[in-house]
Amino acid sequence: MIIWDTIFDIFLFVDIIIKLSSAFVKNSQLIDERVQIIINALKDGLVIDLICVIPWYAVYTQLMWFRILRLLQVNQLRTAMENAVLGI
C-alpha cells in the first residue's frame, strides 16, 4: 500500500508543478504572467492539492481522514490525464 501511496503522491506533486508552470486562456487571451498563473491555480484548488500531497496520517494517525481528500483528487487527476492524452 505504501508503494501506491508514494506513486500517487508523485502524480499529485507533478500535477502541482504543471499547474504552477502552465499558461492558460482567459477571454481569448493567453495569460502567461506568473502572478496570474498562481492566482488561477489557487482558484483551481491548489490548496487542496497541497493538503493532499502532505502525508498527515503518517505524522499523526488521527488525521487519517485527510486520505479522503486524496481520493477526491483521483477523479480530477484522471480527467486531467485524459484531457492531456486527447489534446483537449
N, C-alpha and C. Protein backbone atom coordinates (compact mmCIF):
# COMPACT_ATOMS: atom_id res chain seq x y z
N MET A 1 0.82 -1.19 0.00
CA MET A 1 0.00 0.00 0.00
C MET A 1 0.86 1.26 0.00
N ILE A 2 1.99 1.20 0.66
CA ILE A 2 2.88 2.35 0.74
C ILE A 2 3.41 2.71 -0.65
N ILE A 3 3.69 1.71 -1.47
CA ILE A 3 4.19 1.97 -2.82
C ILE A 3 3.15 2.75 -3.63
N TRP A 4 1.88 2.32 -3.56
CA TRP A 4 0.82 3.01 -4.30
C TRP A 4 0.61 4.42 -3.77
N ASP A 5 0.71 4.60 -2.46
CA ASP A 5 0.60 5.95 -1.90
C ASP A 5 1.71 6.85 -2.41
N THR A 6 2.92 6.31 -2.48
CA THR A 6 4.06 7.09 -2.96
C THR A 6 3.89 7.45 -4.43
N ILE A 7 3.45 6.49 -5.24
CA ILE A 7 3.24 6.76 -6.66
C ILE A 7 2.17 7.83 -6.84
N PHE A 8 1.08 7.71 -6.09
CA PHE A 8 0.02 8.71 -6.19
C PHE A 8 0.50 10.08 -5.73
N ASP A 9 1.30 10.12 -4.66
CA ASP A 9 1.87 11.39 -4.20
C ASP A 9 2.74 12.03 -5.28
N ILE A 10 3.50 11.21 -6.00
CA ILE A 10 4.34 11.73 -7.08
C ILE A 10 3.47 12.33 -8.18
N PHE A 11 2.38 11.63 -8.55
CA PHE A 11 1.47 12.17 -9.56
C PHE A 11 0.87 13.50 -9.12
N LEU A 12 0.45 13.58 -7.86
CA LEU A 12 -0.11 14.84 -7.36
C LEU A 12 0.93 15.95 -7.35
N PHE A 13 2.16 15.62 -6.98
CA PHE A 13 3.22 16.62 -6.96
C PHE A 13 3.51 17.13 -8.37
N VAL A 14 3.55 16.23 -9.34
CA VAL A 14 3.77 16.64 -10.73
C VAL A 14 2.61 17.50 -11.21
N ASP A 15 1.39 17.16 -10.80
CA ASP A 15 0.22 17.96 -11.15
C ASP A 15 0.34 19.38 -10.60
N ILE A 16 0.82 19.52 -9.39
CA ILE A 16 1.03 20.85 -8.79
C ILE A 16 2.05 21.64 -9.59
N ILE A 17 3.14 21.00 -9.95
CA ILE A 17 4.18 21.69 -10.73
C ILE A 17 3.64 22.13 -12.08
N ILE A 18 2.85 21.27 -12.73
CA ILE A 18 2.28 21.62 -14.03
C ILE A 18 1.31 22.79 -13.88
N LYS A 19 0.47 22.76 -12.83
CA LYS A 19 -0.46 23.87 -12.61
C LYS A 19 0.26 25.19 -12.42
N LEU A 20 1.40 25.16 -11.73
CA LEU A 20 2.12 26.39 -11.43
C LEU A 20 3.03 26.85 -12.58
N SER A 21 3.16 26.04 -13.61
CA SER A 21 4.04 26.45 -14.71
C SER A 21 3.34 26.50 -16.06
N SER A 22 2.02 26.37 -16.07
CA SER A 22 1.28 26.36 -17.33
C SER A 22 0.48 27.65 -17.52
N ALA A 23 0.62 28.22 -18.70
CA ALA A 23 -0.20 29.38 -19.06
C ALA A 23 -1.62 28.91 -19.29
N PHE A 24 -2.56 29.84 -19.30
CA PHE A 24 -3.96 29.49 -19.53
C PHE A 24 -4.61 30.56 -20.38
N VAL A 25 -5.77 30.23 -20.93
CA VAL A 25 -6.50 31.15 -21.80
C VAL A 25 -7.68 31.72 -21.02
N LYS A 26 -7.82 33.05 -21.08
CA LYS A 26 -8.93 33.73 -20.43
C LYS A 26 -9.41 34.82 -21.37
N ASN A 27 -10.70 34.80 -21.69
CA ASN A 27 -11.28 35.77 -22.62
C ASN A 27 -10.52 35.82 -23.93
N SER A 28 -10.19 34.67 -24.47
CA SER A 28 -9.48 34.52 -25.75
C SER A 28 -8.09 35.13 -25.74
N GLN A 29 -7.50 35.29 -24.56
CA GLN A 29 -6.13 35.80 -24.46
C GLN A 29 -5.29 34.83 -23.65
N LEU A 30 -4.06 34.64 -24.09
CA LEU A 30 -3.14 33.77 -23.39
C LEU A 30 -2.55 34.52 -22.20
N ILE A 31 -2.73 33.97 -21.02
CA ILE A 31 -2.20 34.58 -19.80
C ILE A 31 -0.96 33.79 -19.40
N ASP A 32 0.21 34.45 -19.43
CA ASP A 32 1.44 33.76 -19.08
C ASP A 32 2.22 34.48 -17.98
N GLU A 33 1.59 35.41 -17.30
CA GLU A 33 2.24 36.10 -16.18
C GLU A 33 2.21 35.19 -14.96
N ARG A 34 3.33 35.08 -14.28
CA ARG A 34 3.48 34.16 -13.15
C ARG A 34 2.44 34.42 -12.06
N VAL A 35 2.21 35.68 -11.71
CA VAL A 35 1.25 36.01 -10.65
C VAL A 35 -0.16 35.56 -11.02
N GLN A 36 -0.56 35.80 -12.25
CA GLN A 36 -1.88 35.39 -12.72
C GLN A 36 -2.02 33.87 -12.74
N ILE A 37 -0.93 33.18 -13.10
CA ILE A 37 -0.95 31.71 -13.11
C ILE A 37 -1.15 31.18 -11.69
N ILE A 38 -0.46 31.77 -10.73
CA ILE A 38 -0.59 31.34 -9.34
C ILE A 38 -2.00 31.63 -8.82
N ILE A 39 -2.54 32.79 -9.13
CA ILE A 39 -3.91 33.12 -8.70
C ILE A 39 -4.90 32.13 -9.30
N ASN A 40 -4.73 31.82 -10.59
CA ASN A 40 -5.61 30.85 -11.25
C ASN A 40 -5.48 29.47 -10.61
N ALA A 41 -4.26 29.07 -10.27
CA ALA A 41 -4.05 27.76 -9.63
C ALA A 41 -4.71 27.72 -8.26
N LEU A 42 -4.63 28.81 -7.52
CA LEU A 42 -5.27 28.87 -6.20
C LEU A 42 -6.79 28.75 -6.33
N LYS A 43 -7.35 29.38 -7.35
CA LYS A 43 -8.79 29.26 -7.59
C LYS A 43 -9.17 27.87 -8.04
N ASP A 44 -8.24 27.19 -8.68
CA ASP A 44 -8.50 25.87 -9.25
C ASP A 44 -8.27 24.74 -8.24
N GLY A 45 -7.97 25.05 -7.00
CA GLY A 45 -7.84 24.02 -5.97
C GLY A 45 -6.42 23.65 -5.60
N LEU A 46 -5.50 24.57 -5.74
CA LEU A 46 -4.11 24.29 -5.40
C LEU A 46 -3.94 23.98 -3.91
N VAL A 47 -4.72 24.64 -3.06
CA VAL A 47 -4.61 24.41 -1.62
C VAL A 47 -4.98 22.97 -1.29
N ILE A 48 -6.03 22.46 -1.91
CA ILE A 48 -6.44 21.07 -1.68
C ILE A 48 -5.35 20.12 -2.18
N ASP A 49 -4.75 20.43 -3.32
CA ASP A 49 -3.66 19.60 -3.82
C ASP A 49 -2.50 19.56 -2.84
N LEU A 50 -2.15 20.71 -2.28
CA LEU A 50 -1.05 20.76 -1.32
C LEU A 50 -1.37 19.97 -0.06
N ILE A 51 -2.60 20.08 0.41
CA ILE A 51 -3.01 19.31 1.59
C ILE A 51 -2.96 17.82 1.31
N CYS A 52 -3.33 17.43 0.10
CA CYS A 52 -3.35 16.01 -0.26
C CYS A 52 -1.96 15.42 -0.39
N VAL A 53 -1.00 16.22 -0.80
CA VAL A 53 0.35 15.72 -1.02
C VAL A 53 1.07 15.44 0.31
N ILE A 54 0.77 16.20 1.33
CA ILE A 54 1.45 16.01 2.62
C ILE A 54 0.85 14.79 3.32
N PRO A 55 1.66 13.83 3.71
CA PRO A 55 1.12 12.62 4.37
C PRO A 55 0.83 12.88 5.85
N TRP A 56 -0.24 13.59 6.13
CA TRP A 56 -0.60 13.95 7.51
C TRP A 56 -0.80 12.72 8.37
N TYR A 57 -1.37 11.67 7.80
CA TYR A 57 -1.67 10.46 8.55
C TYR A 57 -0.41 9.76 9.05
N ALA A 58 0.72 9.97 8.37
CA ALA A 58 1.98 9.36 8.82
C ALA A 58 2.52 10.07 10.05
N VAL A 59 2.22 11.35 10.18
CA VAL A 59 2.71 12.12 11.32
C VAL A 59 1.82 11.91 12.53
N TYR A 60 0.52 11.95 12.31
CA TYR A 60 -0.43 11.86 13.41
C TYR A 60 -1.59 10.98 12.95
N THR A 61 -1.70 9.80 13.50
CA THR A 61 -2.63 8.80 12.98
C THR A 61 -4.10 9.22 13.05
N GLN A 62 -4.45 10.15 13.92
CA GLN A 62 -5.85 10.58 13.99
C GLN A 62 -6.25 11.48 12.83
N LEU A 63 -5.29 11.88 12.02
CA LEU A 63 -5.58 12.68 10.84
C LEU A 63 -5.75 11.80 9.60
N MET A 64 -6.12 10.56 9.79
CA MET A 64 -6.31 9.63 8.69
C MET A 64 -7.40 10.09 7.73
N TRP A 65 -8.33 10.90 8.19
CA TRP A 65 -9.42 11.36 7.33
C TRP A 65 -8.92 12.27 6.21
N PHE A 66 -7.67 12.76 6.30
CA PHE A 66 -7.11 13.54 5.19
C PHE A 66 -6.95 12.68 3.94
N ARG A 67 -6.92 11.38 4.11
CA ARG A 67 -6.82 10.48 2.95
C ARG A 67 -8.06 10.60 2.07
N ILE A 68 -9.17 11.00 2.64
CA ILE A 68 -10.39 11.19 1.85
C ILE A 68 -10.17 12.28 0.81
N LEU A 69 -9.46 13.34 1.18
CA LEU A 69 -9.15 14.40 0.22
C LEU A 69 -8.34 13.84 -0.95
N ARG A 70 -7.45 12.92 -0.67
CA ARG A 70 -6.66 12.32 -1.74
C ARG A 70 -7.55 11.55 -2.70
N LEU A 71 -8.56 10.88 -2.16
CA LEU A 71 -9.47 10.14 -3.03
C LEU A 71 -10.25 11.08 -3.94
N LEU A 72 -10.60 12.25 -3.43
CA LEU A 72 -11.30 13.22 -4.25
C LEU A 72 -10.43 13.73 -5.40
N GLN A 73 -9.13 13.74 -5.19
CA GLN A 73 -8.22 14.21 -6.22
C GLN A 73 -8.04 13.19 -7.33
N VAL A 74 -8.33 11.93 -7.08
CA VAL A 74 -8.16 10.89 -8.09
C VAL A 74 -8.98 11.20 -9.33
N ASN A 75 -10.22 11.56 -9.14
CA ASN A 75 -11.09 11.85 -10.28
C ASN A 75 -10.59 13.07 -11.06
N GLN A 76 -10.16 14.10 -10.35
CA GLN A 76 -9.65 15.30 -11.02
C GLN A 76 -8.37 14.98 -11.78
N LEU A 77 -7.50 14.17 -11.19
CA LEU A 77 -6.25 13.79 -11.85
C LEU A 77 -6.52 12.94 -13.09
N ARG A 78 -7.50 12.01 -12.98
CA ARG A 78 -7.86 11.16 -14.13
C ARG A 78 -8.38 12.01 -15.28
N THR A 79 -9.24 12.97 -14.96
CA THR A 79 -9.79 13.84 -16.00
C THR A 79 -8.68 14.65 -16.67
N ALA A 80 -7.75 15.17 -15.88
CA ALA A 80 -6.64 15.95 -16.44
C ALA A 80 -5.76 15.09 -17.34
N MET A 81 -5.52 13.85 -16.94
CA MET A 81 -4.69 12.97 -17.75
C MET A 81 -5.41 12.60 -19.05
N GLU A 82 -6.72 12.37 -18.99
CA GLU A 82 -7.47 12.08 -20.20
C GLU A 82 -7.45 13.26 -21.15
N ASN A 83 -7.60 14.47 -20.62
CA ASN A 83 -7.56 15.67 -21.47
C ASN A 83 -6.19 15.85 -22.09
N ALA A 84 -5.13 15.54 -21.35
CA ALA A 84 -3.79 15.67 -21.90
C ALA A 84 -3.55 14.67 -23.03
N VAL A 85 -4.06 13.46 -22.86
CA VAL A 85 -3.87 12.43 -23.88
C VAL A 85 -4.69 12.77 -25.13
N LEU A 86 -5.92 13.25 -24.93
CA LEU A 86 -6.79 13.56 -26.06
C LEU A 86 -6.46 14.92 -26.71
N GLY A 87 -5.65 15.72 -26.02
CA GLY A 87 -5.27 17.02 -26.57
C GLY A 87 -6.34 18.07 -26.44
N ILE A 88 -7.19 17.95 -25.42
CA ILE A 88 -8.27 18.91 -25.21
C ILE A 88 -7.77 20.07 -24.40
